[in-house]
């Protein structure tokens, strides 16, 4: 009984961090892409 409960608890514990990591990764990707686009657009505007 205890091992099964522990395994289920661990699975639930693993799902949350994975979800959080996914959200953080997506957010970071948007920030990086947004920063590159902003830098590129600014550079092009300054170039002109």
Protein backbone atom coordinates (compact mmCIF):
# COMPACT_ATOMS: atom_id res chain seq x y z
CA UNK A 1 0.00 0.00 0.00
CA UNK A 2 2.68 2.49 1.02
CA UNK A 3 4.94 2.01 -2.05
CA UNK A 4 1.99 2.45 -4.41
CA UNK A 5 0.86 5.60 -2.63
CA UNK A 6 4.43 6.91 -2.70
CA UNK A 7 4.72 6.19 -6.44
CA UNK A 8 1.43 7.96 -7.15
CA UNK A 9 2.53 10.90 -5.00
CA UNK A 10 5.88 11.06 -6.80
CA UNK A 11 4.13 10.95 -10.20
CA UNK A 12 1.91 13.85 -9.23
CA UNK A 13 4.98 15.69 -7.90
CA UNK A 14 6.80 15.13 -11.20
CA UNK A 15 3.90 16.35 -13.35
CA UNK A 16 3.73 19.76 -11.68
CA UNK A 17 7.44 20.62 -12.11
CA UNK A 18 7.32 19.39 -15.70
CA UNK A 19 4.32 21.64 -16.39
CA UNK A 20 6.02 24.58 -14.68
CA UNK A 21 9.27 23.93 -16.56
CA UNK A 22 7.32 23.80 -19.84
CA UNK A 23 5.59 27.11 -19.11
CA UNK A 24 8.89 28.70 -18.06
CA UNK A 25 10.62 27.36 -21.17
CA UNK A 26 7.86 28.72 -23.44
CA UNK A 27 7.92 32.07 -21.64
CA UNK A 28 11.72 32.22 -21.89
CA UNK A 29 11.52 31.35 -25.59
CA UNK A 30 9.02 34.18 -26.18
CA UNK A 31 11.26 36.60 -24.25
CA UNK A 32 14.36 35.54 -26.21
CA UNK A 33 12.59 35.68 -29.59
CA UNK A 34 10.96 38.99 -28.65
CA UNK A 35 14.32 40.39 -27.57
CA UNK A 36 16.00 39.28 -30.82
CA UNK A 37 13.18 40.71 -32.95
CA UNK A 38 13.23 43.99 -30.99
CA UNK A 39 17.02 44.22 -31.29
CA UNK A 40 16.90 43.39 -35.01
CA UNK A 41 14.11 45.90 -35.72
CA UNK A 42 15.91 48.58 -33.70
CA UNK A 43 19.18 47.82 -35.53
CA UNK A 44 17.42 48.03 -38.92
CA UNK A 45 15.73 51.31 -37.95
CA UNK A 46 19.08 52.72 -36.76
CA UNK A 47 20.65 51.40 -39.96
CA UNK A 48 18.25 53.50 -42.00
